[in-house]
Amino acid sequence: MKKILIAAAVGMLVAGAVAAQESPWLVRARAVNLNMANEVTTSTLSSLGVAVNDKTIGEVDVSYFFNKNVAAELILTLPQKQVVGPNGSIGSFKHLPPTLTLQYHFTDLKGYKPYVGAGINYTKITGDSISPYNLDSQSFGMAFQAGVDVPLTKQVSLNFDVKKVYIRSDVYVSSTGASAGTLKLDPVLVGVGVGYRF
């Protein structure tokens, strides 16, 4: 009986160690530069200088690995305020842009682990005050991603990441609801951060 208990205890310890090594969860924190494409579809919006500012934001993402190569990543940030026009002269709005990507990680290279991904972005737009215009309240678009993790320890890694996210909004005249064109933000996000594998 004593041998059985010892064997069971050893088995539990080994199983726990294996589970810890194979944890599917990875959390990263990044500083990200948001660089807007700022394309407009009408001469009216272009002549007014309808363009959204670039900025650096904080980002947190959570990844779940289905196996050593395939993972899903949820990319999160706080609601961000953006200003519109030269020096914010036209107005501002807030947006919350969570993004979900499916990634493939290349794990057979020594010293670094590159990955590529694609997915979908949902952006909630609130508090727009760009009189005499209004924006759509939400945007759906594709997102594409490439990056690399550089392991520092078994659990900690340095991360470099680039994303192209398609965020677009129709622009309406506030007083009549007539369409004034489309604002294509379509930002490129370049980020650097650290990751922790549980």
Protein backbone atom coordinates (compact mmCIF):
# COMPACT_ATOMS: atom_id res chain seq x y z
CA MET A 1 0.00 0.00 0.00
CA LYS A 2 2.85 2.37 0.88
CA LYS A 3 4.48 1.77 -2.50
CA ILE A 4 1.19 2.50 -4.27
CA LEU A 5 0.80 5.81 -2.40
CA ILE A 6 4.39 6.80 -3.19
CA ALA A 7 3.91 5.90 -6.85
CA ALA A 8 0.65 7.89 -6.98
CA ALA A 9 2.32 10.93 -5.37
CA VAL A 10 5.24 10.79 -7.80
CA GLY A 11 2.81 10.43 -10.71
CA MET A 12 0.87 13.49 -9.59
CA LEU A 13 4.05 15.56 -9.28
CA VAL A 14 5.24 14.51 -12.75
CA ALA A 15 1.82 15.22 -14.26
CA GLY A 16 1.78 18.64 -12.62
CA ALA A 17 5.23 19.47 -13.96
CA VAL A 18 4.26 18.40 -17.49
CA ALA A 19 1.05 20.43 -17.29
CA ALA A 20 3.03 23.47 -16.18
CA GLN A 21 5.45 23.07 -19.09
CA GLU A 22 2.62 22.67 -21.57
CA SER A 23 0.42 25.52 -20.38
CA PRO A 24 -1.53 26.86 -23.37
CA TRP A 25 -1.76 30.42 -22.04
CA LEU A 26 0.50 33.31 -23.04
CA VAL A 27 -0.05 36.92 -21.96
CA ARG A 28 1.78 39.87 -23.54
CA ALA A 29 1.96 43.60 -22.81
CA ARG A 30 3.03 45.88 -25.66
CA ALA A 31 3.64 49.52 -26.46
CA VAL A 32 2.14 50.08 -29.91
CA ASN A 33 2.48 52.92 -32.40
CA LEU A 34 -0.79 53.50 -34.22
CA ASN A 35 -0.15 54.89 -37.73
CA MET A 36 -3.35 55.85 -39.59
CA ALA A 37 -3.75 55.51 -43.36
CA ASN A 38 -6.31 58.37 -43.39
CA GLU A 39 -7.83 57.82 -46.81
CA VAL A 40 -11.06 59.66 -47.67
CA THR A 41 -13.41 58.98 -50.56
CA THR A 42 -14.70 62.48 -51.34
CA SER A 43 -13.13 65.83 -52.19
CA THR A 44 -15.29 67.43 -49.46
CA LEU A 45 -13.63 65.44 -46.67
CA SER A 46 -10.22 65.93 -48.26
CA SER A 47 -10.60 69.70 -48.51
CA LEU A 48 -11.61 69.89 -44.84
CA GLY A 49 -8.50 68.00 -43.81
CA VAL A 50 -10.46 65.11 -42.27
CA ALA A 51 -7.62 62.98 -40.90
CA VAL A 52 -7.08 61.19 -37.59
CA ASN A 53 -3.94 61.59 -35.49
CA ASP A 54 -1.28 58.91 -34.98
CA LYS A 55 -0.45 57.93 -31.40
CA THR A 56 1.29 55.39 -29.17
CA ILE A 57 -0.98 53.24 -27.01
CA GLY A 58 -0.72 50.42 -24.50
CA GLU A 59 -1.93 46.97 -25.52
CA VAL A 60 -2.53 43.67 -23.71
CA ASP A 61 -3.17 40.41 -25.48
CA VAL A 62 -4.02 36.90 -24.36
CA SER A 63 -3.10 33.89 -26.49
CA TYR A 64 -4.34 30.31 -26.21
CA PHE A 65 -2.28 27.59 -27.91
CA PHE A 66 -4.29 24.69 -29.33
CA ASN A 67 -0.98 22.95 -30.02
CA LYS A 68 2.66 24.10 -30.30
CA ASN A 69 2.01 25.81 -33.66
CA VAL A 70 -1.58 27.08 -33.68
CA ALA A 71 -2.89 29.76 -31.32
CA ALA A 72 -5.72 32.27 -31.03
CA GLU A 73 -4.89 35.75 -29.78
CA LEU A 74 -7.30 38.32 -28.33
CA ILE A 75 -5.84 41.83 -28.55
CA LEU A 76 -7.18 44.42 -26.11
CA THR A 77 -6.66 48.06 -25.16
CA LEU A 78 -8.50 50.81 -23.31
CA PRO A 79 -10.86 53.14 -25.22
CA GLN A 80 -8.67 55.54 -27.17
CA LYS A 81 -9.39 59.20 -27.93
CA GLN A 82 -8.42 60.39 -31.39
CA VAL A 83 -8.52 63.94 -32.74
CA VAL A 84 -9.65 64.80 -36.25
CA GLY A 85 -8.22 67.41 -38.59
CA PRO A 86 -5.18 69.64 -38.30
CA ASN A 87 -4.33 69.78 -34.57
CA GLY A 88 -7.77 68.45 -33.66
CA SER A 89 -9.50 71.47 -35.21
CA ILE A 90 -12.44 69.44 -36.55
CA GLY A 91 -13.21 67.42 -33.43
CA SER A 92 -12.58 64.06 -31.76
CA PHE A 93 -14.00 60.61 -31.08
CA LYS A 94 -13.26 57.55 -28.97
CA HIS A 95 -12.83 54.01 -30.19
CA LEU A 96 -12.42 50.57 -28.62
CA PRO A 97 -10.87 48.14 -31.13
CA PRO A 98 -10.62 44.52 -29.83
CA THR A 99 -9.12 42.15 -32.39
CA LEU A 100 -9.10 38.36 -32.59
CA THR A 101 -6.52 36.56 -34.74
CA LEU A 102 -5.66 32.95 -35.49
CA GLN A 103 -1.89 32.46 -35.62
CA TYR A 104 0.63 29.95 -36.88
CA HIS A 105 3.89 29.83 -34.87
CA PHE A 106 7.13 28.50 -36.35
CA THR A 107 8.73 26.64 -33.44
CA ASP A 108 11.67 24.76 -34.98
CA LEU A 109 14.04 27.74 -35.16
CA LYS A 110 16.62 28.29 -32.44
CA GLY A 111 16.60 31.54 -30.52
CA TYR A 112 13.40 33.02 -31.91
CA LYS A 113 9.82 32.02 -32.77
CA PRO A 114 8.18 33.93 -35.64
CA TYR A 115 4.46 33.81 -36.32
CA VAL A 116 1.83 35.03 -38.76
CA GLY A 117 -1.85 35.57 -38.15
CA ALA A 118 -5.14 36.77 -39.58
CA GLY A 119 -8.47 37.55 -38.03
CA ILE A 120 -11.18 40.12 -37.47
CA ASN A 121 -11.40 43.50 -35.79
CA TYR A 122 -14.48 45.04 -34.21
CA THR A 123 -14.23 48.75 -33.40
CA LYS A 124 -16.82 50.55 -31.27
CA ILE A 125 -16.91 54.29 -31.95
CA THR A 126 -18.37 56.61 -29.32
CA GLY A 127 -18.41 60.26 -28.33
CA ASP A 128 -17.79 61.60 -31.80
CA SER A 129 -17.89 65.39 -31.90
CA ILE A 130 -16.76 66.35 -35.38
CA SER A 131 -19.55 68.82 -36.18
CA PRO A 132 -21.16 69.11 -38.64
CA TYR A 133 -20.53 65.39 -39.15
CA ASN A 134 -21.18 62.07 -37.46
CA LEU A 135 -19.44 58.70 -37.75
CA ASP A 136 -20.79 55.16 -37.76
CA SER A 137 -21.00 53.68 -34.27
CA GLN A 138 -19.05 50.54 -35.22
CA SER A 139 -16.72 48.99 -37.77
CA PHE A 140 -15.90 45.40 -38.74
CA GLY A 141 -12.78 44.60 -40.73
CA MET A 142 -9.98 42.15 -41.36
CA ALA A 143 -6.70 42.14 -39.43
CA PHE A 144 -3.34 40.71 -40.50
CA GLN A 145 -0.36 40.13 -38.24
CA ALA A 146 3.29 39.08 -38.22
CA GLY A 147 5.71 38.99 -35.34
CA VAL A 148 8.40 37.18 -33.44
CA ASP A 149 8.93 36.03 -29.87
CA VAL A 150 12.50 35.94 -28.60
CA PRO A 151 12.69 33.67 -25.51
CA LEU A 152 14.58 35.17 -22.57
CA THR A 153 13.71 32.37 -20.13
CA LYS A 154 11.40 29.36 -20.31
CA GLN A 155 8.46 31.62 -19.46
CA VAL A 156 9.47 35.17 -20.44
CA SER A 157 9.96 36.40 -24.01
CA LEU A 158 10.59 39.64 -25.86
CA ASN A 159 7.98 40.32 -28.55
CA PHE A 160 8.00 42.35 -31.78
CA ASP A 161 4.70 42.60 -33.64
CA VAL A 162 3.22 44.33 -36.70
CA LYS A 163 -0.48 44.42 -37.57
CA LYS A 164 -2.57 45.89 -40.37
CA VAL A 165 -6.13 46.49 -39.20
CA TYR A 166 -8.98 47.63 -41.46
CA ILE A 167 -11.11 50.24 -39.64
CA ARG A 168 -13.50 52.34 -41.71
CA SER A 169 -16.44 54.62 -41.01
CA ASP A 170 -19.01 56.31 -43.18
CA VAL A 171 -19.28 60.03 -42.50
CA TYR A 172 -22.70 61.69 -42.35
CA VAL A 173 -23.91 65.28 -42.30
CA SER A 174 -25.36 65.71 -38.80
CA SER A 175 -28.28 67.92 -39.80
CA THR A 176 -29.57 65.82 -42.71
CA GLY A 177 -28.06 62.36 -42.34
CA ALA A 178 -26.75 62.57 -45.91
CA SER A 179 -23.58 60.68 -46.72
CA ALA A 180 -20.43 62.83 -46.92
CA GLY A 181 -18.10 59.95 -47.81
CA THR A 182 -16.01 57.32 -46.05
CA LEU A 183 -13.02 57.68 -43.75
CA LYS A 184 -10.60 54.77 -44.02
CA LEU A 185 -8.33 54.68 -40.97
CA ASP A 186 -6.77 51.27 -41.76
CA PRO A 187 -3.91 51.69 -39.27
CA VAL A 188 -0.57 49.89 -39.19
CA LEU A 189 0.34 48.98 -35.60
CA VAL A 190 3.99 48.42 -34.75
CA GLY A 191 4.55 47.07 -31.26
CA VAL A 192 7.21 45.87 -28.86
CA GLY A 193 6.61 44.19 -25.52
CA VAL A 194 7.13 41.25 -23.23
CA GLY A 195 5.29 37.97 -22.93
CA TYR A 196 4.78 35.51 -20.08
CA ARG A 197 3.91 31.84 -20.71
CA PHE A 198 2.11 30.28 -17.76
